[in-house]
Amino acid sequence: MYNLRGKKVWIAGHNGMVGRAVLRNISEHDCELLTAEKADLDLLNQHHVNEWLKKNKPDVVIICAAKVGGIWANSNYPVDFIYNNLMMECNIINASHLNDVEKLLFLGSSCIYPKNTSQPIVEKSLLTGPLEETNEWYAIAKISGIKLCQAYRKQYGKNFISAMPTNLYGPFDNFDLDSSHVIPALIRKFHNAKKDEQANVDIWGTGSPKREFLHVDDCASCLVHLLQYYSDYEHVNVGTGKDISINDLTTIIKDIVKYTGNIQYDDTKPDGTPRKLLDVTKVSQLNWKPKYKLTEGLIQTYDWFKSNY
């Protein structure tokens, strides 16, 4: 077990949805938490990152910082998604090595896996087939982060690990319709349609793809658990082991928002990967499991949205 008590822990990306959840979940472990605002630390600048670690000397680094977005954003801004993510992770991981960080956790995404791999997806499926075209830029950057952590472990014996969560949702999600993922986008669409008394809500795709969703606080609790109880070469899937069709998800969110109009699917828009369900055997064997049921988490997320938007 790696004891977090008394350690200096830097959460890179602490203002994001995952970073905020990690702050909430790690505070009970009696460690010193380090954060840096964008105005004070440019994660795209190698020199700035190295100097910041040299000055603050964290024992533990959790990389939650990332450029993220849905299908539309990934398709229209490929440079942003591959360049920014590569630069951030390379700068932080290399600087952590140079400044003797004891343990590092890199956060990826389930989109790293091949588009048509067998389901549920085991960790060993990585790099066994072509990626989903709509988010390959982001996926390639995240795969590179995994491999960089493995390289530092192999060459320098560093205690650098990686976790690959499934689709996340919860408080502080991005509800911008141009760049959000499916759950916040649906919440925003139905909320606006109800408020404006719209007769119809248009949904991208056919509604047939199946996705797995994990509440962000469950993800954060798992990351803290992995910091304490996992140290190995291979990345770890983080999810619920259960999936749902976009059609069924849409119906649940429609009911939660109490929107009474019609749903119209636009099959001229891309569906993305047909199915994406993680095999969570490894993380389950580490004695971790999620607490939130999907409907419970969606209700909480919508309540947060109404209070903050």
C-alpha atoms as a PDB file:
ATOM      1  CA  MET A   1       0.000   0.000   0.000  1.00  0.00           C
ATOM      2  CA  TYR A   2       1.176   3.510  -0.835  1.00  0.00           C
ATOM      3  CA  ASN A   3       0.299   5.767   2.114  1.00  0.00           C
ATOM      4  CA  LEU A   4      -0.932   9.208   1.056  1.00  0.00           C
ATOM      5  CA  ARG A   5      -0.865  10.632   4.570  1.00  0.00           C
ATOM      6  CA  GLY A   6       1.454  13.622   4.769  1.00  0.00           C
ATOM      7  CA  LYS A   7       2.297  13.515   1.041  1.00  0.00           C
ATOM      8  CA  LYS A   8       2.291  16.597  -1.187  1.00  0.00           C
ATOM      9  CA  VAL A   9      -0.180  15.795  -3.969  1.00  0.00           C
ATOM     10  CA  TRP A  10      -0.417  17.928  -7.111  1.00  0.00           C
ATOM     11  CA  ILE A  11      -3.682  17.658  -9.010  1.00  0.00           C
ATOM     12  CA  ALA A  12      -2.982  18.979 -12.502  1.00  0.00           C
ATOM     13  CA  GLY A  13      -6.279  20.199 -13.953  1.00  0.00           C
ATOM     14  CA  HIS A  14      -7.950  20.793 -10.580  1.00  0.00           C
ATOM     15  CA  ASN A  15     -10.590  23.125 -12.033  1.00  0.00           C
ATOM     16  CA  GLY A  16     -11.987  20.505 -14.415  1.00  0.00           C
ATOM     17  CA  MET A  17     -14.785  18.082 -13.643  1.00  0.00           C
ATOM     18  CA  VAL A  18     -12.449  15.208 -12.722  1.00  0.00           C
ATOM     19  CA  GLY A  19      -9.931  17.406 -10.923  1.00  0.00           C
ATOM     20  CA  ARG A  20     -12.610  18.891  -8.681  1.00  0.00           C
ATOM     21  CA  ALA A  21     -13.918  15.402  -7.891  1.00  0.00           C
ATOM     22  CA  VAL A  22     -10.413  14.215  -6.983  1.00  0.00           C
ATOM     23  CA  LEU A  23     -10.063  17.206  -4.645  1.00  0.00           C
ATOM     24  CA  ARG A  24     -13.330  16.193  -2.972  1.00  0.00           C
ATOM     25  CA  ASN A  25     -12.317  12.549  -2.614  1.00  0.00           C
ATOM     26  CA  ILE A  26      -8.666  12.810  -1.609  1.00  0.00           C
ATOM     27  CA  SER A  27      -9.080  15.439   1.106  1.00  0.00           C
ATOM     28  CA  GLU A  28      -9.905  12.808   3.745  1.00  0.00           C
ATOM     29  CA  HIS A  29      -6.467  11.227   3.375  1.00  0.00           C
ATOM     30  CA  ASP A  30      -4.671  13.970   5.309  1.00  0.00           C
ATOM     31  CA  CYS A  31      -2.288  14.968   2.521  1.00  0.00           C
ATOM     32  CA  GLU A  32      -1.130  18.398   1.398  1.00  0.00           C
ATOM     33  CA  LEU A  33      -2.928  19.356  -1.811  1.00  0.00           C
ATOM     34  CA  LEU A  34      -1.170  21.423  -4.475  1.00  0.00           C
ATOM     35  CA  THR A  35      -2.935  23.231  -7.313  1.00  0.00           C
ATOM     36  CA  ALA A  36      -1.909  25.781  -9.930  1.00  0.00           C
ATOM     37  CA  GLU A  37      -4.139  28.167 -11.846  1.00  0.00           C
ATOM     38  CA  LYS A  38      -3.755  28.530 -15.628  1.00  0.00           C
ATOM     39  CA  ALA A  39      -2.605  32.109 -15.169  1.00  0.00           C
ATOM     40  CA  ASP A  40       0.271  30.899 -12.989  1.00  0.00           C
ATOM     41  CA  LEU A  41       1.306  27.743 -14.851  1.00  0.00           C
ATOM     42  CA  ASP A  42       1.186  27.075 -18.584  1.00  0.00           C
ATOM     43  CA  LEU A  43       1.091  23.286 -18.927  1.00  0.00           C
ATOM     44  CA  LEU A  44       2.026  23.609 -22.606  1.00  0.00           C
ATOM     45  CA  ASN A  45       5.355  25.201 -21.646  1.00  0.00           C
ATOM     46  CA  GLN A  46       7.978  22.592 -20.773  1.00  0.00           C
ATOM     47  CA  HIS A  47      10.231  25.026 -18.903  1.00  0.00           C
ATOM     48  CA  HIS A  48       7.375  26.435 -16.809  1.00  0.00           C
ATOM     49  CA  VAL A  49       6.176  22.977 -15.804  1.00  0.00           C
ATOM     50  CA  ASN A  50       9.662  21.812 -14.839  1.00  0.00           C
ATOM     51  CA  GLU A  51      10.348  24.935 -12.795  1.00  0.00           C
ATOM     52  CA  TRP A  52       6.996  24.643 -11.019  1.00  0.00           C
ATOM     53  CA  LEU A  53       7.706  21.055  -9.949  1.00  0.00           C
ATOM     54  CA  LYS A  54      11.247  21.979  -8.923  1.00  0.00           C
ATOM     55  CA  LYS A  55       9.866  24.736  -6.674  1.00  0.00           C
ATOM     56  CA  ASN A  56       6.845  22.920  -5.200  1.00  0.00           C
ATOM     57  CA  LYS A  57       8.316  19.395  -4.958  1.00  0.00           C
ATOM     58  CA  PRO A  58       5.162  17.232  -5.013  1.00  0.00           C
ATOM     59  CA  ASP A  59       5.451  13.605  -3.907  1.00  0.00           C
ATOM     60  CA  VAL A  60       2.436  12.559  -5.983  1.00  0.00           C
ATOM     61  CA  VAL A  61       1.108  13.860  -9.309  1.00  0.00           C
ATOM     62  CA  ILE A  62      -2.376  13.172 -10.690  1.00  0.00           C
ATOM     63  CA  ILE A  63      -2.808  14.250 -14.323  1.00  0.00           C
ATOM     64  CA  CYS A  64      -6.439  15.279 -14.783  1.00  0.00           C
ATOM     65  CA  ALA A  65      -5.581  18.148 -17.126  1.00  0.00           C
ATOM     66  CA  ALA A  66      -6.728  17.528 -20.701  1.00  0.00           C
ATOM     67  CA  LYS A  67      -8.368  19.059 -23.727  1.00  0.00           C
ATOM     68  CA  VAL A  68     -11.694  17.217 -23.963  1.00  0.00           C
ATOM     69  CA  GLY A  69     -14.871  17.375 -26.038  1.00  0.00           C
ATOM     70  CA  GLY A  70     -17.521  15.427 -27.916  1.00  0.00           C
ATOM     71  CA  ILE A  71     -17.748  14.180 -31.496  1.00  0.00           C
ATOM     72  CA  TRP A  72     -18.304  17.635 -33.026  1.00  0.00           C
ATOM     73  CA  ALA A  73     -15.360  19.245 -31.231  1.00  0.00           C
ATOM     74  CA  ASN A  74     -13.005  16.340 -31.977  1.00  0.00           C
ATOM     75  CA  SER A  75     -13.954  16.371 -35.642  1.00  0.00           C
ATOM     76  CA  ASN A  76     -13.505  20.120 -36.084  1.00  0.00           C
ATOM     77  CA  TYR A  77     -10.446  20.817 -33.918  1.00  0.00           C
ATOM     78  CA  PRO A  78      -8.088  17.849 -34.407  1.00  0.00           C
ATOM     79  CA  VAL A  79      -4.929  19.907 -33.833  1.00  0.00           C
ATOM     80  CA  ASP A  80      -6.178  21.133 -30.462  1.00  0.00           C
ATOM     81  CA  PHE A  81      -6.957  17.613 -29.314  1.00  0.00           C
ATOM     82  CA  ILE A  82      -3.704  15.940 -30.332  1.00  0.00           C
ATOM     83  CA  TYR A  83      -1.212  18.781 -29.787  1.00  0.00           C
ATOM     84  CA  ASN A  84      -2.497  20.169 -26.491  1.00  0.00           C
ATOM     85  CA  ASN A  85      -2.920  16.765 -24.892  1.00  0.00           C
ATOM     86  CA  LEU A  86       0.470  15.509 -26.062  1.00  0.00           C
ATOM     87  CA  MET A  87       2.242  18.618 -24.816  1.00  0.00           C
ATOM     88  CA  MET A  88       0.552  18.671 -21.401  1.00  0.00           C
ATOM     89  CA  GLU A  89       1.168  15.010 -20.619  1.00  0.00           C
ATOM     90  CA  CYS A  90       4.733  14.970 -21.947  1.00  0.00           C
ATOM     91  CA  ASN A  91       5.683  18.071 -19.963  1.00  0.00           C
ATOM     92  CA  ILE A  92       4.162  16.838 -16.704  1.00  0.00           C
ATOM     93  CA  ILE A  93       5.408  13.248 -16.928  1.00  0.00           C
ATOM     94  CA  ASN A  94       8.951  14.223 -17.903  1.00  0.00           C
ATOM     95  CA  ALA A  95       9.147  16.942 -15.239  1.00  0.00           C
ATOM     96  CA  SER A  96       7.854  14.459 -12.643  1.00  0.00           C
ATOM     97  CA  HIS A  97      10.733  12.152 -13.548  1.00  0.00           C
ATOM     98  CA  LEU A  98      13.301  14.950 -13.407  1.00  0.00           C
ATOM     99  CA  ASN A  99      12.043  16.152 -10.021  1.00  0.00           C
ATOM    100  CA  ASP A 100      11.831  12.738  -8.325  1.00  0.00           C
ATOM    101  CA  VAL A 101       8.054  12.460  -7.959  1.00  0.00           C
ATOM    102  CA  GLU A 102       7.348   9.249  -6.021  1.00  0.00           C
ATOM    103  CA  LYS A 103       4.117   8.286  -7.757  1.00  0.00           C
ATOM    104  CA  LEU A 104       2.225   9.560 -10.802  1.00  0.00           C
ATOM    105  CA  LEU A 105      -1.223   8.677 -12.114  1.00  0.00           C
ATOM    106  CA  PHE A 106      -2.083   9.491 -15.718  1.00  0.00           C
ATOM    107  CA  LEU A 107      -5.759   9.746 -16.611  1.00  0.00           C
ATOM    108  CA  GLY A 108      -6.802   8.593 -20.059  1.00  0.00           C
ATOM    109  CA  SER A 109     -10.075   7.586 -21.659  1.00  0.00           C
ATOM    110  CA  SER A 110     -11.831   4.481 -22.955  1.00  0.00           C
ATOM    111  CA  CYS A 111     -11.672   5.970 -26.464  1.00  0.00           C
ATOM    112  CA  ILE A 112      -8.096   4.610 -26.672  1.00  0.00           C
ATOM    113  CA  TYR A 113      -9.467   1.224 -27.744  1.00  0.00           C
ATOM    114  CA  PRO A 114     -10.086   0.032 -31.328  1.00  0.00           C
ATOM    115  CA  LYS A 115     -13.467   0.883 -32.825  1.00  0.00           C
ATOM    116  CA  ASN A 116     -14.538  -2.702 -33.446  1.00  0.00           C
ATOM    117  CA  THR A 117     -12.793  -4.558 -30.641  1.00  0.00           C
ATOM    118  CA  SER A 118     -14.578  -7.351 -28.760  1.00  0.00           C
ATOM    119  CA  GLN A 119     -16.853  -6.393 -25.854  1.00  0.00           C
ATOM    120  CA  PRO A 120     -16.469  -5.928 -22.958  1.00  0.00           C
ATOM    121  CA  ILE A 121     -13.075  -4.358 -23.662  1.00  0.00           C
ATOM    122  CA  VAL A 122     -10.098  -5.798 -21.794  1.00  0.00           C
ATOM    123  CA  GLU A 123      -6.927  -3.801 -21.197  1.00  0.00           C
ATOM    124  CA  LYS A 124      -4.984  -5.991 -23.627  1.00  0.00           C
ATOM    125  CA  SER A 125      -7.184  -4.784 -26.515  1.00  0.00           C
ATOM    126  CA  LEU A 126      -5.065  -1.632 -26.744  1.00  0.00           C
ATOM    127  CA  LEU A 127      -3.424  -1.194 -30.184  1.00  0.00           C
ATOM    128  CA  THR A 128      -5.095  -4.267 -31.693  1.00  0.00           C
ATOM    129  CA  GLY A 129      -7.080  -2.421 -34.390  1.00  0.00           C
ATOM    130  CA  PRO A 130      -8.074   0.903 -35.988  1.00  0.00           C
ATOM    131  CA  LEU A 131      -9.475   3.696 -33.796  1.00  0.00           C
ATOM    132  CA  GLU A 132     -12.839   5.416 -34.103  1.00  0.00           C
ATOM    133  CA  GLU A 133     -12.293   8.128 -36.735  1.00  0.00           C
ATOM    134  CA  THR A 134     -14.239  10.857 -34.920  1.00  0.00           C
ATOM    135  CA  ASN A 135     -11.886  10.976 -31.933  1.00  0.00           C
ATOM    136  CA  GLU A 136      -8.630   9.408 -33.102  1.00  0.00           C
ATOM    137  CA  TRP A 137      -6.643  12.602 -32.403  1.00  0.00           C
ATOM    138  CA  TYR A 138      -7.556  12.568 -28.720  1.00  0.00           C
ATOM    139  CA  ALA A 139      -7.155   8.792 -28.525  1.00  0.00           C
ATOM    140  CA  ILE A 140      -3.644   8.869 -30.003  1.00  0.00           C
ATOM    141  CA  ALA A 141      -2.599  11.493 -27.469  1.00  0.00           C
ATOM    142  CA  LYS A 142      -3.955   9.414 -24.583  1.00  0.00           C
ATOM    143  CA  ILE A 143      -2.317   6.233 -25.866  1.00  0.00           C
ATOM    144  CA  SER A 144       0.958   8.161 -25.987  1.00  0.00           C
ATOM    145  CA  GLY A 145       0.500   9.125 -22.336  1.00  0.00           C
ATOM    146  CA  ILE A 146       0.045   5.492 -21.337  1.00  0.00           C
ATOM    147  CA  LYS A 147       3.141   4.482 -23.269  1.00  0.00           C
ATOM    148  CA  LEU A 148       5.189   7.330 -21.816  1.00  0.00           C
ATOM    149  CA  CYS A 149       4.333   6.206 -18.274  1.00  0.00           C
ATOM    150  CA  GLN A 150       5.271   2.644 -19.226  1.00  0.00           C
ATOM    151  CA  ALA A 151       8.532   3.847 -20.768  1.00  0.00           C
ATOM    152  CA  TYR A 152       9.591   5.686 -17.607  1.00  0.00           C
ATOM    153  CA  ARG A 153       8.679   2.625 -15.533  1.00  0.00           C
ATOM    154  CA  LYS A 154      10.686   0.351 -17.864  1.00  0.00           C
ATOM    155  CA  GLN A 155      13.775   2.555 -18.291  1.00  0.00           C
ATOM    156  CA  TYR A 156      13.936   4.324 -14.919  1.00  0.00           C
ATOM    157  CA  GLY A 157      11.823   2.167 -12.592  1.00  0.00           C
ATOM    158  CA  LYS A 158       9.339   4.984 -12.008  1.00  0.00           C
ATOM    159  CA  ASN A 159       6.109   4.304 -10.130  1.00  0.00           C
ATOM    160  CA  PHE A 160       3.975   5.835 -12.897  1.00  0.00           C
ATOM    161  CA  ILE A 161       0.553   4.266 -13.532  1.00  0.00           C
ATOM    162  CA  SER A 162      -2.398   4.922 -15.870  1.00  0.00           C
ATOM    163  CA  ALA A 163      -6.164   4.656 -15.456  1.00  0.00           C
ATOM    164  CA  MET A 164      -8.649   4.569 -18.334  1.00  0.00           C
ATOM    165  CA  PRO A 165     -12.141   5.620 -17.223  1.00  0.00           C
ATOM    166  CA  THR A 166     -15.270   5.123 -19.266  1.00  0.00           C
ATOM    167  CA  ASN A 167     -17.575   8.051 -20.178  1.00  0.00           C
ATOM    168  CA  LEU A 168     -17.808  10.385 -17.184  1.00  0.00           C
ATOM    169  CA  TYR A 169     -20.554  12.753 -16.060  1.00  0.00           C
ATOM    170  CA  GLY A 170     -21.488  14.759 -12.991  1.00  0.00           C
ATOM    171  CA  PRO A 171     -21.115  18.181 -11.333  1.00  0.00           C
ATOM    172  CA  PHE A 172     -18.916  20.723 -13.168  1.00  0.00           C
ATOM    173  CA  ASP A 173     -19.348  18.923 -16.488  1.00  0.00           C
ATOM    174  CA  ASN A 174     -19.152  20.922 -19.720  1.00  0.00           C
ATOM    175  CA  PHE A 175     -22.699  21.810 -20.824  1.00  0.00           C
ATOM    176  CA  ASP A 176     -21.693  23.782 -23.938  1.00  0.00           C
ATOM    177  CA  LEU A 177     -23.654  22.241 -26.808  1.00  0.00           C
ATOM    178  CA  ASP A 178     -20.774  22.792 -29.250  1.00  0.00           C
ATOM    179  CA  SER A 179     -18.191  20.844 -27.266  1.00  0.00           C
ATOM    180  CA  SER A 180     -19.929  18.704 -24.627  1.00  0.00           C
ATOM    181  CA  HIS A 181     -20.276  14.948 -24.304  1.00  0.00           C
ATOM    182  CA  VAL A 182     -23.594  13.138 -24.613  1.00  0.00           C
ATOM    183  CA  ILE A 183     -25.027  13.391 -21.069  1.00  0.00           C
ATOM    184  CA  PRO A 184     -24.467  17.130 -20.506  1.00  0.00           C
ATOM    185  CA  ALA A 185     -25.579  17.807 -24.092  1.00  0.00           C
ATOM    186  CA  LEU A 186     -28.848  15.917 -23.559  1.00  0.00           C
ATOM    187  CA  ILE A 187     -29.469  17.629 -20.222  1.00  0.00           C
ATOM    188  CA  ARG A 188     -28.928  21.050 -21.780  1.00  0.00           C
ATOM    189  CA  LYS A 189     -31.064  20.272 -24.853  1.00  0.00           C
ATOM    190  CA  PHE A 190     -34.041  18.973 -22.899  1.00  0.00           C
ATOM    191  CA  HIS A 191     -33.797  21.757 -20.313  1.00  0.00           C
ATOM    192  CA  ASN A 192     -33.750  24.435 -23.014  1.00  0.00           C
ATOM    193  CA  ALA A 193     -36.561  22.739 -24.947  1.00  0.00           C
ATOM    194  CA  LYS A 194     -38.731  22.575 -21.838  1.00  0.00           C
ATOM    195  CA  LYS A 195     -38.013  26.209 -20.939  1.00  0.00           C
ATOM    196  CA  ASP A 196     -38.682  27.437 -24.489  1.00  0.00           C
ATOM    197  CA  GLU A 197     -41.664  25.102 -24.998  1.00  0.00           C
ATOM    198  CA  GLN A 198     -40.137  23.489 -28.075  1.00  0.00           C
ATOM    199  CA  ALA A 199     -42.160  20.712 -29.709  1.00  0.00           C
ATOM    200  CA  ASN A 200     -39.126  18.622 -30.704  1.00  0.00           C
ATOM    201  CA  VAL A 201     -35.559  17.885 -29.609  1.00  0.00           C
ATOM    202  CA  ASP A 202     -33.074  16.753 -32.262  1.00  0.00           C
ATOM    203  CA  ILE A 203     -30.546  14.078 -31.256  1.00  0.00           C
ATOM    204  CA  TRP A 204     -27.436  13.208 -33.258  1.00  0.00           C
ATOM    205  CA  GLY A 205     -27.277   9.728 -34.768  1.00  0.00           C
ATOM    206  CA  THR A 206     -29.673   6.808 -34.589  1.00  0.00           C
ATOM    207  CA  GLY A 207     -29.795   6.269 -30.826  1.00  0.00           C
ATOM    208  CA  SER A 208     -28.615   2.668 -31.234  1.00  0.00           C
ATOM    209  CA  PRO A 209     -24.994   2.879 -29.949  1.00  0.00           C
ATOM    210  CA  LYS A 210     -24.442   1.601 -26.427  1.00  0.00           C
ATOM    211  CA  ARG A 211     -22.295   3.412 -23.896  1.00  0.00           C
ATOM    212  CA  GLU A 212     -21.113   2.938 -20.328  1.00  0.00           C
ATOM    213  CA  PHE A 213     -21.316   5.902 -17.940  1.00  0.00           C
ATOM    214  CA  LEU A 214     -19.530   6.510 -14.636  1.00  0.00           C
ATOM    215  CA  HIS A 215     -20.253   9.260 -12.133  1.00  0.00           C
ATOM    216  CA  VAL A 216     -17.217  11.508 -11.727  1.00  0.00           C
ATOM    217  CA  ASP A 217     -17.098  11.017  -7.942  1.00  0.00           C
ATOM    218  CA  ASP A 218     -16.924   7.259  -8.463  1.00  0.00           C
ATOM    219  CA  CYS A 219     -14.065   7.826 -10.901  1.00  0.00           C
ATOM    220  CA  ALA A 220     -12.250  10.029  -8.396  1.00  0.00           C
ATOM    221  CA  SER A 221     -12.641   7.497  -5.583  1.00  0.00           C
ATOM    222  CA  CYS A 222     -11.155   4.852  -7.882  1.00  0.00           C
ATOM    223  CA  LEU A 223      -8.178   7.036  -8.780  1.00  0.00           C
ATOM    224  CA  VAL A 224      -7.385   7.573  -5.114  1.00  0.00           C
ATOM    225  CA  HIS A 225      -7.778   3.822  -4.551  1.00  0.00           C
ATOM    226  CA  LEU A 226      -5.351   3.045  -7.400  1.00  0.00           C
ATOM    227  CA  LEU A 227      -2.782   5.449  -6.005  1.00  0.00           C
ATOM    228  CA  GLN A 228      -2.830   3.460  -2.795  1.00  0.00           C
ATOM    229  CA  TYR A 229      -3.191  -0.100  -4.053  1.00  0.00           C
ATOM    230  CA  TYR A 230      -1.912  -0.370  -7.633  1.00  0.00           C
ATOM    231  CA  SER A 231       1.582  -0.270  -9.068  1.00  0.00           C
ATOM    232  CA  ASP A 232       2.151  -2.074 -12.352  1.00  0.00           C
ATOM    233  CA  TYR A 233       2.993  -1.636 -16.017  1.00  0.00           C
ATOM    234  CA  GLU A 234      -0.447  -2.084 -17.591  1.00  0.00           C
ATOM    235  CA  HIS A 235      -3.163   0.577 -17.450  1.00  0.00           C
ATOM    236  CA  VAL A 236      -6.406  -0.110 -15.538  1.00  0.00           C
ATOM    237  CA  ASN A 237      -9.962   0.186 -16.869  1.00  0.00           C
ATOM    238  CA  VAL A 238     -12.301   2.186 -14.626  1.00  0.00           C
ATOM    239  CA  GLY A 239     -16.029   1.735 -15.166  1.00  0.00           C
ATOM    240  CA  THR A 240     -19.254   0.124 -14.036  1.00  0.00           C
ATOM    241  CA  GLY A 241     -19.272  -2.926 -16.303  1.00  0.00           C
ATOM    242  CA  LYS A 242     -22.785  -1.980 -17.486  1.00  0.00           C
ATOM    243  CA  ASP A 243     -23.886  -0.093 -20.607  1.00  0.00           C
ATOM    244  CA  ILE A 244     -27.051   1.500 -21.985  1.00  0.00           C
ATOM    245  CA  SER A 245     -28.244   2.530 -25.449  1.00  0.00           C
ATOM    246  CA  ILE A 246     -28.264   6.232 -26.304  1.00  0.00           C
ATOM    247  CA  ASN A 247     -31.983   5.854 -26.984  1.00  0.00           C
ATOM    248  CA  ASP A 248     -32.672   4.557 -23.465  1.00  0.00           C
ATOM    249  CA  LEU A 249     -30.361   7.168 -21.931  1.00  0.00           C
ATOM    250  CA  THR A 250     -32.198   9.886 -23.841  1.00  0.00           C
ATOM    251  CA  THR A 251     -35.550   8.677 -22.528  1.00  0.00           C
ATOM    252  CA  ILE A 252     -34.295   8.647 -18.916  1.00  0.00           C
ATOM    253  CA  ILE A 253     -32.935  12.211 -19.162  1.00  0.00           C
ATOM    254  CA  LYS A 254     -36.118  13.397 -20.888  1.00  0.00           C
ATOM    255  CA  ASP A 255     -38.138  12.023 -17.957  1.00  0.00           C
ATOM    256  CA  ILE A 256     -35.805  13.546 -15.329  1.00  0.00           C
ATOM    257  CA  VAL A 257     -36.047  16.978 -16.955  1.00  0.00           C
ATOM    258  CA  LYS A 258     -39.836  16.482 -17.375  1.00  0.00           C
ATOM    259  CA  TYR A 259     -39.803  17.460 -21.024  1.00  0.00           C
ATOM    260  CA  THR A 260     -43.044  16.417 -22.731  1.00  0.00           C
ATOM    261  CA  GLY A 261     -42.215  17.031 -26.414  1.00  0.00           C
ATOM    262  CA  ASN A 262     -40.899  14.668 -29.071  1.00  0.00           C
ATOM    263  CA  ILE A 263     -37.466  13.169 -29.740  1.00  0.00           C
ATOM    264  CA  GLN A 264     -36.181  13.208 -33.321  1.00  0.00           C
ATOM    265  CA  TYR A 265     -33.020  11.303 -34.276  1.00  0.00           C
ATOM    266  CA  ASP A 266     -30.853  12.727 -37.068  1.00  0.00           C
ATOM    267  CA  ASP A 267     -29.314   9.678 -38.736  1.00  0.00           C
ATOM    268  CA  THR A 268     -27.251  11.894 -41.060  1.00  0.00           C
ATOM    269  CA  LYS A 269     -25.023  12.628 -38.052  1.00  0.00           C
ATOM    270  CA  PRO A 270     -22.337  10.145 -36.878  1.00  0.00           C
ATOM    271  CA  ASP A 271     -23.042   7.558 -34.196  1.00  0.00           C
ATOM    272  CA  GLY A 272     -19.425   6.976 -33.264  1.00  0.00           C
ATOM    273  CA  THR A 273     -18.350   3.553 -31.992  1.00  0.00           C
ATOM    274  CA  PRO A 274     -21.292   1.065 -32.023  1.00  0.00           C
ATOM    275  CA  ARG A 275     -20.590  -0.140 -28.493  1.00  0.00           C
ATOM    276  CA  LYS A 276     -18.076   0.703 -25.803  1.00  0.00           C
ATOM    277  CA  LEU A 277     -18.168  -1.307 -22.581  1.00  0.00           C
ATOM    278  CA  LEU A 278     -15.121  -1.831 -20.402  1.00  0.00           C
ATOM    279  CA  ASP A 279     -14.117  -5.082 -18.753  1.00  0.00           C
ATOM    280  CA  VAL A 280     -13.620  -4.058 -15.115  1.00  0.00           C
ATOM    281  CA  THR A 281     -12.291  -7.362 -13.807  1.00  0.00           C
ATOM    282  CA  LYS A 282      -8.890  -5.927 -12.898  1.00  0.00           C
ATOM    283  CA  VAL A 283     -10.178  -2.978 -10.871  1.00  0.00           C
ATOM    284  CA  SER A 284     -12.787  -5.189  -9.200  1.00  0.00           C
ATOM    285  CA  GLN A 285     -10.016  -7.537  -8.080  1.00  0.00           C
ATOM    286  CA  LEU A 286      -8.413  -4.510  -6.411  1.00  0.00           C
ATOM    287  CA  ASN A 287     -11.551  -4.301  -4.217  1.00  0.00           C
ATOM    288  CA  TRP A 288     -13.091  -1.193  -5.759  1.00  0.00           C
ATOM    289  CA  LYS A 289     -16.603  -0.752  -7.114  1.00  0.00           C
ATOM    290  CA  PRO A 290     -18.778   2.286  -7.976  1.00  0.00           C
ATOM    291  CA  LYS A 291     -21.503   3.578  -5.667  1.00  0.00           C
ATOM    292  CA  TYR A 292     -23.749   5.619  -7.963  1.00  0.00           C
ATOM    293  CA  LYS A 293     -26.625   4.068  -9.911  1.00  0.00           C
ATOM    294  CA  LEU A 294     -27.052   5.794 -13.289  1.00  0.00           C
ATOM    295  CA  THR A 295     -30.495   7.331 -12.694  1.00  0.00           C
ATOM    296  CA  GLU A 296     -29.446   8.555  -9.235  1.00  0.00           C
ATOM    297  CA  GLY A 297     -26.338  10.176 -10.703  1.00  0.00           C
ATOM    298  CA  LEU A 298     -28.294  11.785 -13.552  1.00  0.00           C
ATOM    299  CA  ILE A 299     -30.813  13.307 -11.131  1.00  0.00           C
ATOM    300  CA  GLN A 300     -27.973  14.731  -9.033  1.00  0.00           C
ATOM    301  CA  THR A 301     -26.247  16.096 -12.149  1.00  0.00           C
ATOM    302  CA  TYR A 302     -29.426  17.786 -13.395  1.00  0.00           C
ATOM    303  CA  ASP A 303     -29.990  19.333  -9.961  1.00  0.00           C
ATOM    304  CA  TRP A 304     -26.430  20.686 -10.082  1.00  0.00           C
ATOM    305  CA  PHE A 305     -27.020  22.039 -13.605  1.00  0.00           C
ATOM    306  CA  LYS A 306     -30.185  23.884 -12.542  1.00  0.00           C
ATOM    307  CA  SER A 307     -28.390  25.435  -9.557  1.00  0.00           C
ATOM    308  CA  ASN A 308     -25.353  26.551 -11.538  1.00  0.00           C
ATOM    309  CA  TYR A 309     -26.687  27.457 -14.994  1.00  0.00           C
END
